[in-house]
Amino acid sequence: MGISDLQEFQPAFLRIQEDMERLSRLEKPSYLGVYEQMDRALEPIRKQHLEFARTFEISGVASKHLAEAVRANQHLQELFDQATASSHVFKDLAKIHQSWLDGVKPLEESIAQVQAAARRSVEDVAYKLTISEGILSGIDVSALERGLALPEMTFPNLENIFGNITSSYEKLAASLQTLPDVTQMPSFALSGATREIFTMGFALDALAYDEDAEDEASHAEIQVVTEFRRETSECVVLLQGVDPALAIPYIGARDAIQGDSADRARHAFASLRELWSHLLRRLAPDNEVLKWLPGDGNNLLHDGKPTRKARVLYVCRNVSSAPLTDFVNQDTTSLVRLIDLFNRVHELESGLTDQQLNAILLRTESWLTYLLNIWRDSK
């Protein structure tokens, strides 16, 4: 069963989502029938996921980062199965993160509605993570190294990017033992982390793209990319909410990528590097981070100034989940290394394609949206 087969149940998947959204507005929704429908709609994706898992068991050559993504997906699907319609696991409304409760009315139906929303969110994450598995499984690091002719040491770093981010994602997923654990984090936390995994794989897949290959993006992959572009379209507004000046380098990078200048890649990467550097310093100013750092935090300083990790930890200082904080840190490191990698490709090659430049833009927009939502939620 290939990733392209997912298009056969994509309409059913979307209908289930719409049904759940309608039911969440009813006074006394009958969740049991909807959950049964969801289970039926999920069956093809479960089979697809199991195909990946069996391939690893048989071949024994699966890359570490892909195996970690599969294990995380398996855990989330088991979590989904655990949260049956008859379970009464939501007992304390006070422990549910406010982002799950916003807009939930009437109050006496909040628990049932949040439970339905959380289950639907985990189902959606499992679906998108399976699409990500397909992308990751198609990335041949050795072929990428040969095709791009980059210096030898670049590619161990490339594998470390994926190893760190997928390992931290697996730990984040494993920390969620029940559905209430999901709702104690912001509603965007797990779904946003899954988007980060997808966009990282999507960018590397674009970098490794072979124009002579016959493989094309599946309908399901295109649908997910479209949805993620919609989710990240707010990043300009989010940047302006921090400081209007921060939106300038982002808009410069975006306009350069969408333009036709021969120098657009250099302009875009210079703007992107300027953006993440200034953004982290704006979200985590030196004096504030230094006051916040514990007495034994010297390993988070370089030449007396906070490291990038120290700034990310400061942004996440009010996040109650240590695995989520670790994921945000690894995610930020991965983005920086990916931009560096694309920049080196640009310096050594004649140019990058529209597909490659737009993939790195989506990756950046996803990270911006994720980090800024965490910052805004933690204020």
Foldseek 3Di string as FASTA:
>chain_A
DAPLVLVVLVVLLVVLVVVLVVQLPDPDRDVQVSVVSLVVSCVVLVVLLVVLVVVCVVPVPDALLLVLLSLLLVLLVVQLVVLHLPDDPPDDPVLFDVLLQVPRPDPVCSSVSSSSLLSSLSSVLSNLSSLLSNLVVPQDLVLLCVVLVDDPVLSVVVSVLSNQLSNLLSVVSVVCPHSSVCRSFRVCLNVLSSVLSNLLSQLSSQSSDDPPDPDDDHPVRVVVLVVLCVLLVCLQVLQVVLPNVLSVLLVQLVVLLVDDDQCSLVSNLVSLVVNVVVVLCSLAPFVNLVVVDDPPRCVQDDPSTGDSLSSLCVLQVQPPDPSSSSSLSSSVVSLVSSSVVVVVSCVRDSHHDSSNSVSNSSSSSSNSSNSSVSSVSRD
